[in-house]
C-alpha cells in the first residue's frame, strides 16, 4: 500500500522557518512552531487561527505537542523551558529546567 499526499495550500509567517509541527488528536488543528511563536492553523482552510507567543522559552520553540485526548493543552518545548498552554482559557504556564547535557 502506497501513501501519497497533495499540498493543498501553503503559508508564510514572518521570515520564520518551521522547526516542528503537531496535529491535534481530532485533526482539527495544526500547531506549527516558528521561532518563538506557535501558530495554530485550521487545516481544512489552510488559514492561521491564533498565534501563541512564547518569549519564556528563551529563544526558539524546538517542538510542540498536543496533550491529552481532547487536545486542550499544547506544550511548547524550548531548549531549557516548557510552556504549557491551555487552549480553552488561552493561558500559558512556564516551567524552567536545566538539562543534564548540552
Protein backbone atom coordinates (compact mmCIF):
# COMPACT_ATOMS: atom_id res chain seq x y z
CA UNK A 1 0.00 0.00 0.00
CA UNK A 2 1.47 3.34 -1.02
CA UNK A 3 0.54 6.54 0.80
CA UNK A 4 0.56 9.87 -1.02
CA UNK A 5 -0.46 13.41 -0.20
CA UNK A 6 -1.06 16.60 -2.13
CA UNK A 7 -0.19 20.10 -0.97
CA UNK A 8 -3.49 21.95 -0.66
CA UNK A 9 -2.11 25.28 0.48
CA UNK A 10 0.99 26.95 1.77
CA UNK A 11 1.55 29.87 4.06
CA UNK A 12 4.29 32.07 5.46
CA UNK A 13 4.73 33.54 8.93
CA UNK A 14 7.13 36.48 9.02
CA UNK A 15 10.56 35.22 8.00
CA UNK A 16 10.50 32.23 10.34
CA UNK A 17 11.10 28.65 9.29
CA UNK A 18 9.08 25.85 10.93
CA UNK A 19 11.01 23.79 13.47
CA UNK A 20 8.21 21.37 14.37
CA UNK A 21 4.51 20.69 13.84
CA UNK A 22 1.84 18.68 15.61
CA UNK A 23 -1.75 17.66 14.84
CA UNK A 24 -4.48 17.88 17.46
CA UNK A 25 -5.97 14.48 18.39
CA UNK A 26 -9.12 15.11 16.33
CA UNK A 27 -7.21 16.62 13.39
CA UNK A 28 -8.99 19.98 13.64
CA UNK A 29 -5.82 21.98 14.44
CA UNK A 30 -2.26 22.02 13.21
CA UNK A 31 0.29 23.65 15.52
CA UNK A 32 3.48 24.88 13.84
CA UNK A 33 6.50 26.09 15.82
CA UNK A 34 8.07 29.13 14.15
CA UNK A 35 10.84 30.86 16.09
CA UNK A 36 9.45 31.93 19.46
CA UNK A 37 5.86 31.55 18.19
CA UNK A 38 3.42 28.71 17.72
CA UNK A 39 0.81 29.31 15.06
CA UNK A 40 -2.41 27.29 15.19
CA UNK A 41 -3.86 26.60 11.76
CA UNK A 42 -7.22 25.42 10.52
CA UNK A 43 -6.01 22.62 8.24
CA UNK A 44 -9.21 22.50 6.17
CA UNK A 45 -8.99 26.21 5.28
CA UNK A 46 -5.20 26.45 5.47
CA UNK A 47 -5.51 29.66 7.45
CA UNK A 48 -3.98 30.73 10.77
CA UNK A 49 -6.41 30.85 13.71
CA UNK A 50 -4.25 32.01 16.59
CA UNK A 51 -0.64 32.87 17.35
CA UNK A 52 0.82 31.90 20.71
CA UNK A 53 3.81 33.97 21.79
CA UNK A 54 6.32 32.11 23.91
CA UNK A 55 9.08 34.53 24.98
CA UNK A 56 9.54 32.41 28.10
CA UNK A 57 11.27 29.70 26.08
CA UNK A 58 14.40 31.89 25.85
CA UNK A 59 14.69 31.58 22.10
CA UNK A 60 13.03 29.40 19.58
CA UNK A 61 10.47 26.72 20.21
CA UNK A 62 12.16 23.42 19.43
CA UNK A 63 8.98 21.34 19.35
CA UNK A 64 5.29 21.47 20.20
CA UNK A 65 2.86 18.72 21.18
CA UNK A 66 -0.86 18.47 21.88
CA UNK A 67 -1.51 16.69 25.16
CA UNK A 68 -4.43 14.53 26.23
CA UNK A 69 -7.30 13.01 24.29
CA UNK A 70 -9.08 16.31 23.67
CA UNK A 71 -6.08 18.43 22.67
CA UNK A 72 -6.96 21.09 25.23
CA UNK A 73 -3.31 21.54 26.17
CA UNK A 74 -0.32 22.32 23.99
CA UNK A 75 3.28 22.03 25.18
CA UNK A 76 5.83 24.42 23.67
CA UNK A 77 9.28 22.99 24.28
CA UNK A 78 12.28 25.31 24.22
CA UNK A 79 15.93 24.48 24.81
CA UNK A 80 15.58 24.87 28.60
CA UNK A 81 11.90 25.61 29.21
CA UNK A 82 8.48 24.16 28.63
CA UNK A 83 5.37 26.33 28.33
CA UNK A 84 2.07 24.52 28.78
CA UNK A 85 -0.81 26.31 27.04
CA UNK A 86 -4.44 25.79 27.98
CA UNK A 87 -6.08 26.41 24.61
CA UNK A 88 -9.54 26.85 26.14
CA UNK A 89 -8.57 29.64 28.55
CA UNK A 90 -5.72 30.83 26.26
CA UNK A 91 -3.26 30.98 29.13
CA UNK A 92 0.24 29.61 29.42
CA UNK A 93 2.37 28.49 32.35
CA UNK A 94 6.13 28.11 32.01
CA UNK A 95 8.39 25.70 33.84
CA UNK A 96 12.15 26.06 33.60
CA UNK A 97 14.60 23.24 33.94
CA UNK A 98 18.26 22.59 33.28
CA UNK A 99 19.17 19.69 31.09
CA UNK A 100 21.97 17.45 32.37
CA UNK A 101 23.63 17.73 28.97
CA UNK A 102 24.06 20.49 26.43
